[in-house]
């Protein structure tokens, strides 16, 4: 159980993973690409991202909207 908790803590610190579900968020910026190429640029924008330390994945973002 402690091992799983350590893994989840590491995932939450890594900005390449969604803070809600733990899956890769596929953020272009975290992959070293231009923000304009990120999938989130085509989604409805709001202030949800300021609540989290890293980007949500597409599925979790759509659930929040």
Protein backbone atom coordinates (compact mmCIF):
# COMPACT_ATOMS: atom_id res chain seq x y z
CA UNK A 1 0.00 0.00 0.00
CA UNK A 2 2.81 2.43 0.84
CA UNK A 3 4.38 1.79 -2.58
CA UNK A 4 1.15 2.80 -4.33
CA UNK A 5 0.92 5.97 -2.27
CA UNK A 6 4.51 6.88 -3.19
CA UNK A 7 3.73 6.35 -6.87
CA UNK A 8 0.65 8.57 -6.66
CA UNK A 9 2.64 11.31 -4.90
CA UNK A 10 5.25 11.18 -7.68
CA UNK A 11 2.53 11.37 -10.33
CA UNK A 12 0.99 14.40 -8.68
CA UNK A 13 4.37 16.18 -8.69
CA UNK A 14 4.97 15.38 -12.36
CA UNK A 15 3.15 17.99 -14.44
CA UNK A 16 2.81 15.54 -17.35
CA UNK A 17 0.02 13.73 -15.51
CA UNK A 18 -3.56 14.73 -14.79
CA UNK A 19 -4.06 15.61 -11.11
CA UNK A 20 -7.55 14.08 -11.16
CA UNK A 21 -7.11 10.65 -12.76
CA UNK A 22 -3.31 10.22 -12.88
CA UNK A 23 -3.18 9.54 -16.63
CA UNK A 24 -0.93 11.49 -18.99
CA UNK A 25 -2.44 14.88 -19.74
CA UNK A 26 -0.59 15.12 -23.07
CA UNK A 27 0.26 18.77 -22.45
CA UNK A 28 2.32 20.15 -25.33
CA UNK A 29 4.16 22.57 -23.06
CA UNK A 30 5.28 19.75 -20.76
CA UNK A 31 6.49 17.89 -23.86
CA UNK A 32 8.61 20.90 -24.84
CA UNK A 33 6.33 22.02 -27.69
CA UNK A 34 4.61 25.31 -28.36
CA UNK A 35 1.46 26.00 -26.32
CA UNK A 36 -0.35 26.76 -29.57
CA UNK A 37 -0.03 23.09 -30.54
CA UNK A 38 -1.68 21.78 -27.37
CA UNK A 39 -5.05 20.04 -27.55
CA UNK A 40 -6.40 22.37 -24.85
CA UNK A 41 -6.27 25.33 -27.23
CA UNK A 42 -9.36 23.95 -28.95
CA UNK A 43 -11.31 23.45 -25.70
CA UNK A 44 -13.57 25.92 -23.92
CA UNK A 45 -11.40 27.95 -21.56
CA UNK A 46 -12.16 28.85 -17.95
CA UNK A 47 -10.33 29.21 -14.63
CA UNK A 48 -10.19 25.50 -13.75
CA UNK A 49 -6.46 25.25 -14.53
CA UNK A 50 -5.58 27.80 -11.84
CA UNK A 51 -7.01 25.44 -9.21
CA UNK A 52 -4.62 22.61 -10.14
CA UNK A 53 -0.81 22.46 -10.13
CA UNK A 54 -0.79 20.70 -13.51
CA UNK A 55 -3.09 20.40 -16.50
CA UNK A 56 -6.06 18.11 -16.53
CA UNK A 57 -6.33 15.48 -19.25
CA UNK A 58 -8.96 16.05 -21.95
CA UNK A 59 -11.51 13.72 -20.30
CA UNK A 60 -11.21 15.28 -16.84
CA UNK A 61 -11.30 18.81 -18.26
CA UNK A 62 -14.52 18.03 -20.12
CA UNK A 63 -16.06 16.61 -16.93
CA UNK A 64 -15.28 19.89 -15.12
CA UNK A 65 -16.80 22.09 -17.82
